[in-house]
Amino acid sequence: MTTSSSEVTEKATFFRNAAKYSLFAPLIVFGLGIVLDQGVKPSVDPSTYRMFAIGIGITNLILLLFGFMSGIVALCGIKKYGKEKILWRGIAGLLICGFFLSAALLIIPVILHSATK
């Protein structure tokens, strides 16, 4: 079985997948946050929920950080694999993940300060 040249050029490379993950990481974060929050909140006591919420927050930060790093890695592959399906996904994912990461890093000290009072 032979493959045509169009199938070879449309092959999903690591860099295309990294750009795609970078773009969709914020959606994954919001989806997981909403589903897990609404699924667990009614069934647990407040002290257990607080620990669960901290776990969700840390997981979301890690996913956003990986999305940010994936955007950087994807943009590094443009020279070898071209701009198609890498450039706009990588830049958009990098900007969106960067925005949410910076917002989270600005909010964390405020939350910690209010929790100590």
N, C-alpha and C. Protein backbone atom coordinates (compact mmCIF):
# COMPACT_ATOMS: atom_id res chain seq x y z
N MET A 1 0.84 -1.17 0.00
CA MET A 1 0.00 0.00 0.00
C MET A 1 0.89 1.24 0.00
N THR A 2 0.68 2.10 -0.96
CA THR A 2 1.49 3.32 -1.03
C THR A 2 0.69 4.49 -0.51
N THR A 3 1.41 5.48 -0.05
CA THR A 3 0.77 6.69 0.45
C THR A 3 1.06 7.82 -0.52
N SER A 4 0.09 8.65 -0.73
CA SER A 4 0.29 9.79 -1.62
C SER A 4 1.06 10.88 -0.90
N SER A 5 1.56 11.83 -1.67
CA SER A 5 2.35 12.91 -1.08
C SER A 5 1.50 13.82 -0.21
N SER A 6 0.19 13.93 -0.49
CA SER A 6 -0.67 14.78 0.34
C SER A 6 -0.87 14.16 1.72
N GLU A 7 -0.88 12.82 1.81
CA GLU A 7 -1.00 12.16 3.10
C GLU A 7 0.25 12.37 3.94
N VAL A 8 1.39 12.38 3.28
CA VAL A 8 2.65 12.56 4.00
C VAL A 8 2.74 13.97 4.55
N THR A 9 2.34 14.98 3.77
CA THR A 9 2.44 16.35 4.24
C THR A 9 1.39 16.67 5.30
N GLU A 10 0.29 15.94 5.33
CA GLU A 10 -0.76 16.18 6.33
C GLU A 10 -0.54 15.39 7.61
N LYS A 11 0.56 14.64 7.67
CA LYS A 11 0.85 13.85 8.86
C LYS A 11 1.01 14.78 10.07
N ALA A 12 0.37 14.42 11.16
CA ALA A 12 0.45 15.21 12.38
C ALA A 12 1.81 14.99 13.04
N THR A 13 2.62 16.02 13.04
CA THR A 13 3.93 15.94 13.68
C THR A 13 3.80 16.27 15.16
N PHE A 14 4.87 16.04 15.88
CA PHE A 14 4.90 16.38 17.30
C PHE A 14 4.63 17.86 17.50
N PHE A 15 5.18 18.68 16.62
CA PHE A 15 5.04 20.13 16.76
C PHE A 15 3.61 20.59 16.49
N ARG A 16 2.94 19.96 15.54
CA ARG A 16 1.52 20.28 15.30
C ARG A 16 0.68 19.86 16.50
N ASN A 17 0.98 18.70 17.04
CA ASN A 17 0.23 18.25 18.23
C ASN A 17 0.50 19.14 19.43
N ALA A 18 1.74 19.61 19.56
CA ALA A 18 2.06 20.52 20.67
C ALA A 18 1.31 21.84 20.51
N ALA A 19 1.22 22.34 19.29
CA ALA A 19 0.48 23.58 19.04
C ALA A 19 -1.00 23.38 19.33
N LYS A 20 -1.54 22.23 18.95
CA LYS A 20 -2.94 21.94 19.20
C LYS A 20 -3.21 21.83 20.70
N TYR A 21 -2.33 21.16 21.44
CA TYR A 21 -2.51 21.06 22.89
C TYR A 21 -2.42 22.44 23.53
N SER A 22 -1.49 23.25 23.07
CA SER A 22 -1.34 24.59 23.62
C SER A 22 -2.61 25.40 23.45
N LEU A 23 -3.26 25.24 22.32
CA LEU A 23 -4.49 25.97 22.06
C LEU A 23 -5.66 25.44 22.88
N PHE A 24 -5.73 24.13 23.05
CA PHE A 24 -6.87 23.53 23.73
C PHE A 24 -6.67 23.33 25.24
N ALA A 25 -5.48 23.56 25.76
CA ALA A 25 -5.22 23.39 27.19
C ALA A 25 -6.14 24.24 28.07
N PRO A 26 -6.38 25.53 27.74
CA PRO A 26 -7.30 26.30 28.58
C PRO A 26 -8.73 25.75 28.57
N LEU A 27 -9.16 25.21 27.43
CA LEU A 27 -10.49 24.60 27.37
C LEU A 27 -10.56 23.35 28.23
N ILE A 28 -9.49 22.57 28.22
CA ILE A 28 -9.43 21.37 29.06
C ILE A 28 -9.47 21.77 30.53
N VAL A 29 -8.74 22.82 30.87
CA VAL A 29 -8.71 23.29 32.26
C VAL A 29 -10.09 23.72 32.72
N PHE A 30 -10.77 24.54 31.90
CA PHE A 30 -12.10 24.99 32.29
C PHE A 30 -13.10 23.84 32.35
N GLY A 31 -13.01 22.93 31.39
CA GLY A 31 -13.92 21.78 31.40
C GLY A 31 -13.73 20.91 32.63
N LEU A 32 -12.47 20.58 32.94
CA LEU A 32 -12.20 19.77 34.13
C LEU A 32 -12.63 20.49 35.40
N GLY A 33 -12.36 21.79 35.47
CA GLY A 33 -12.73 22.55 36.65
C GLY A 33 -14.22 22.57 36.88
N ILE A 34 -14.98 22.79 35.82
CA ILE A 34 -16.44 22.85 35.96
C ILE A 34 -17.01 21.48 36.31
N VAL A 35 -16.60 20.46 35.58
CA VAL A 35 -17.14 19.12 35.80
C VAL A 35 -16.78 18.60 37.20
N LEU A 36 -15.52 18.74 37.58
CA LEU A 36 -15.12 18.23 38.89
C LEU A 36 -15.72 19.05 40.02
N ASP A 37 -15.81 20.36 39.83
CA ASP A 37 -16.38 21.20 40.88
C ASP A 37 -17.86 20.88 41.10
N GLN A 38 -18.62 20.80 40.04
CA GLN A 38 -20.05 20.54 40.18
C GLN A 38 -20.34 19.10 40.58
N GLY A 39 -19.45 18.19 40.23
CA GLY A 39 -19.66 16.79 40.59
C GLY A 39 -19.33 16.48 42.03
N VAL A 40 -18.41 17.21 42.63
CA VAL A 40 -17.95 16.90 43.97
C VAL A 40 -18.56 17.82 45.03
N LYS A 41 -18.77 19.07 44.70
CA LYS A 41 -19.20 20.08 45.67
C LYS A 41 -20.43 19.66 46.48
N PRO A 42 -21.49 19.15 45.87
CA PRO A 42 -22.67 18.81 46.67
C PRO A 42 -22.49 17.61 47.60
N SER A 43 -21.50 16.76 47.33
CA SER A 43 -21.43 15.50 48.07
C SER A 43 -20.39 15.44 49.18
N VAL A 44 -19.62 16.52 49.41
CA VAL A 44 -18.59 16.46 50.45
C VAL A 44 -18.74 17.63 51.42
N ASP A 45 -18.14 17.45 52.61
CA ASP A 45 -18.19 18.52 53.60
C ASP A 45 -17.19 19.63 53.21
N PRO A 46 -17.35 20.84 53.76
CA PRO A 46 -16.53 21.99 53.34
C PRO A 46 -15.02 21.81 53.53
N SER A 47 -14.59 21.17 54.60
CA SER A 47 -13.14 21.01 54.79
C SER A 47 -12.53 20.08 53.75
N THR A 48 -13.25 19.03 53.40
CA THR A 48 -12.77 18.12 52.36
C THR A 48 -12.81 18.82 51.01
N TYR A 49 -13.84 19.62 50.78
CA TYR A 49 -13.96 20.32 49.51
C TYR A 49 -12.83 21.33 49.33
N ARG A 50 -12.40 21.97 50.41
CA ARG A 50 -11.30 22.94 50.30
C ARG A 50 -10.03 22.25 49.80
N MET A 51 -9.71 21.09 50.35
CA MET A 51 -8.53 20.35 49.89
C MET A 51 -8.69 19.90 48.44
N PHE A 52 -9.90 19.49 48.09
CA PHE A 52 -10.16 19.08 46.72
C PHE A 52 -10.00 20.26 45.77
N ALA A 53 -10.48 21.44 46.17
CA ALA A 53 -10.37 22.64 45.34
C ALA A 53 -8.91 23.04 45.15
N ILE A 54 -8.10 22.88 46.19
CA ILE A 54 -6.67 23.17 46.07
C ILE A 54 -6.03 22.21 45.07
N GLY A 55 -6.42 20.94 45.13
CA GLY A 55 -5.90 19.95 44.18
C GLY A 55 -6.29 20.27 42.75
N ILE A 56 -7.54 20.67 42.55
CA ILE A 56 -7.98 21.06 41.20
C ILE A 56 -7.19 22.28 40.73
N GLY A 57 -6.98 23.25 41.61
CA GLY A 57 -6.24 24.44 41.24
C GLY A 57 -4.80 24.14 40.83
N ILE A 58 -4.15 23.28 41.59
CA ILE A 58 -2.77 22.92 41.26
C ILE A 58 -2.71 22.15 39.95
N THR A 59 -3.65 21.23 39.75
CA THR A 59 -3.72 20.49 38.50
C THR A 59 -3.94 21.43 37.31
N ASN A 60 -4.83 22.39 37.47
CA ASN A 60 -5.10 23.34 36.40
C ASN A 60 -3.88 24.19 36.09
N LEU A 61 -3.15 24.61 37.11
CA LEU A 61 -1.93 25.38 36.88
C LEU A 61 -0.89 24.56 36.12
N ILE A 62 -0.77 23.29 36.48
CA ILE A 62 0.19 22.42 35.79
C ILE A 62 -0.22 22.24 34.33
N LEU A 63 -1.52 22.03 34.07
CA LEU A 63 -1.98 21.88 32.68
C LEU A 63 -1.74 23.16 31.88
N LEU A 64 -1.97 24.32 32.49
CA LEU A 64 -1.72 25.58 31.79
C LEU A 64 -0.23 25.78 31.54
N LEU A 65 0.60 25.39 32.50
CA LEU A 65 2.04 25.51 32.31
C LEU A 65 2.52 24.62 31.17
N PHE A 66 2.01 23.39 31.12
CA PHE A 66 2.35 22.50 30.01
C PHE A 66 1.84 23.05 28.68
N GLY A 67 0.65 23.67 28.69
CA GLY A 67 0.14 24.30 27.48
C GLY A 67 1.03 25.44 27.01
N PHE A 68 1.51 26.25 27.95
CA PHE A 68 2.42 27.35 27.62
C PHE A 68 3.72 26.81 27.03
N MET A 69 4.29 25.79 27.69
CA MET A 69 5.54 25.21 27.20
C MET A 69 5.33 24.52 25.85
N SER A 70 4.16 23.90 25.64
CA SER A 70 3.87 23.27 24.36
C SER A 70 3.80 24.30 23.23
N GLY A 71 3.28 25.48 23.54
CA GLY A 71 3.26 26.56 22.55
C GLY A 71 4.66 26.98 22.14
N ILE A 72 5.55 27.07 23.11
CA ILE A 72 6.94 27.44 22.81
C ILE A 72 7.60 26.35 21.96
N VAL A 73 7.42 25.09 22.35
CA VAL A 73 8.00 23.97 21.61
C VAL A 73 7.44 23.94 20.19
N ALA A 74 6.14 24.16 20.04
CA ALA A 74 5.53 24.13 18.72
C ALA A 74 6.12 25.21 17.82
N LEU A 75 6.31 26.39 18.35
CA LEU A 75 6.87 27.47 17.54
C LEU A 75 8.31 27.19 17.13
N CYS A 76 9.01 26.37 17.91
CA CYS A 76 10.37 25.99 17.53
C CYS A 76 10.39 25.05 16.33
N GLY A 77 9.29 24.39 16.03
CA GLY A 77 9.24 23.45 14.91
C GLY A 77 8.84 24.08 13.59
N ILE A 78 8.60 25.39 13.58
CA ILE A 78 8.16 26.05 12.34
C ILE A 78 9.24 25.99 11.27
N LYS A 79 10.49 26.14 11.65
CA LYS A 79 11.58 26.16 10.67
C LYS A 79 11.64 24.85 9.88
N LYS A 80 11.41 23.74 10.56
CA LYS A 80 11.52 22.44 9.90
C LYS A 80 10.23 22.01 9.22
N TYR A 81 9.06 22.29 9.85
CA TYR A 81 7.80 21.76 9.35
C TYR A 81 6.89 22.81 8.72
N GLY A 82 7.28 24.05 8.73
CA GLY A 82 6.49 25.10 8.10
C GLY A 82 5.45 25.70 9.04
N LYS A 83 4.85 26.80 8.57
CA LYS A 83 3.91 27.55 9.41
C LYS A 83 2.52 26.92 9.47
N GLU A 84 2.19 26.12 8.48
CA GLU A 84 0.83 25.59 8.38
C GLU A 84 0.46 24.75 9.61
N LYS A 85 -0.62 25.09 10.24
CA LYS A 85 -1.20 24.41 11.41
C LYS A 85 -0.30 24.45 12.65
N ILE A 86 0.74 25.24 12.62
CA ILE A 86 1.58 25.38 13.80
C ILE A 86 1.56 26.83 14.29
N LEU A 87 1.74 27.77 13.39
CA LEU A 87 1.96 29.16 13.78
C LEU A 87 0.80 29.75 14.57
N TRP A 88 -0.40 29.78 13.98
CA TRP A 88 -1.50 30.46 14.68
C TRP A 88 -1.94 29.69 15.91
N ARG A 89 -1.90 28.37 15.87
CA ARG A 89 -2.27 27.59 17.06
C ARG A 89 -1.26 27.80 18.17
N GLY A 90 0.01 27.80 17.81
CA GLY A 90 1.06 27.98 18.82
C GLY A 90 1.01 29.36 19.45
N ILE A 91 0.85 30.40 18.62
CA ILE A 91 0.80 31.76 19.16
C ILE A 91 -0.45 31.97 20.00
N ALA A 92 -1.59 31.52 19.51
CA ALA A 92 -2.84 31.69 20.26
C ALA A 92 -2.78 30.94 21.58
N GLY A 93 -2.32 29.70 21.55
CA GLY A 93 -2.19 28.93 22.78
C GLY A 93 -1.21 29.54 23.76
N LEU A 94 -0.11 30.05 23.23
CA LEU A 94 0.89 30.70 24.06
C LEU A 94 0.32 31.94 24.74
N LEU A 95 -0.42 32.75 23.99
CA LEU A 95 -1.01 33.97 24.56
C LEU A 95 -2.10 33.66 25.57
N ILE A 96 -2.97 32.71 25.24
CA ILE A 96 -4.08 32.39 26.15
C ILE A 96 -3.57 31.75 27.44
N CYS A 97 -2.69 30.76 27.29
CA CYS A 97 -2.12 30.12 28.49
C CYS A 97 -1.30 31.11 29.29
N GLY A 98 -0.54 31.97 28.62
CA GLY A 98 0.25 32.98 29.31
C GLY A 98 -0.63 33.95 30.09
N PHE A 99 -1.75 34.34 29.49
CA PHE A 99 -2.67 35.25 30.17
C PHE A 99 -3.23 34.61 31.44
N PHE A 100 -3.71 33.38 31.33
CA PHE A 100 -4.30 32.71 32.49
C PHE A 100 -3.25 32.39 33.56
N LEU A 101 -2.04 32.03 33.14
CA LEU A 101 -0.98 31.78 34.11
C LEU A 101 -0.60 33.05 34.86
N SER A 102 -0.47 34.16 34.13
CA SER A 102 -0.12 35.41 34.80
C SER A 102 -1.25 35.87 35.72
N ALA A 103 -2.51 35.68 35.30
CA ALA A 103 -3.63 36.04 36.16
C ALA A 103 -3.63 35.18 37.42
N ALA A 104 -3.36 33.89 37.27
CA ALA A 104 -3.33 33.00 38.43
C ALA A 104 -2.19 33.37 39.37
N LEU A 105 -1.04 33.70 38.82
CA LEU A 105 0.10 34.06 39.66
C LEU A 105 -0.11 35.38 40.38
N LEU A 106 -0.93 36.26 39.81
CA LEU A 106 -1.25 37.51 40.49
C LEU A 106 -2.32 37.31 41.57
N ILE A 107 -3.19 36.34 41.38
CA ILE A 107 -4.29 36.11 42.32
C ILE A 107 -3.85 35.27 43.52
N ILE A 108 -2.91 34.37 43.34
CA ILE A 108 -2.50 33.45 44.42
C ILE A 108 -2.05 34.19 45.69
N PRO A 109 -1.20 35.23 45.60
CA PRO A 109 -0.84 35.93 46.84
C PRO A 109 -2.03 36.58 47.54
N VAL A 110 -2.98 37.08 46.79
CA VAL A 110 -4.18 37.68 47.39
C VAL A 110 -4.98 36.62 48.13
N ILE A 111 -5.13 35.46 47.54
CA ILE A 111 -5.87 34.37 48.17
C ILE A 111 -5.16 33.91 49.45
N LEU A 112 -3.84 33.75 49.36
CA LEU A 112 -3.10 33.31 50.54
C LEU A 112 -3.15 34.35 51.65
N HIS A 113 -3.10 35.62 51.30
CA HIS A 113 -3.18 36.67 52.31
C HIS A 113 -4.56 36.70 52.98
N SER A 114 -5.59 36.53 52.20
CA SER A 114 -6.95 36.54 52.78
C SER A 114 -7.23 35.27 53.59
N ALA A 115 -6.56 34.17 53.26
CA ALA A 115 -6.76 32.92 54.00
C ALA A 115 -6.11 32.98 55.38
N THR A 116 -5.07 33.79 55.53
CA THR A 116 -4.40 33.87 56.83
C THR A 116 -5.12 34.77 57.82
N LYS A 117 -6.03 35.58 57.33
CA LYS A 117 -6.77 36.48 58.23
C LYS A 117 -7.91 35.78 58.90
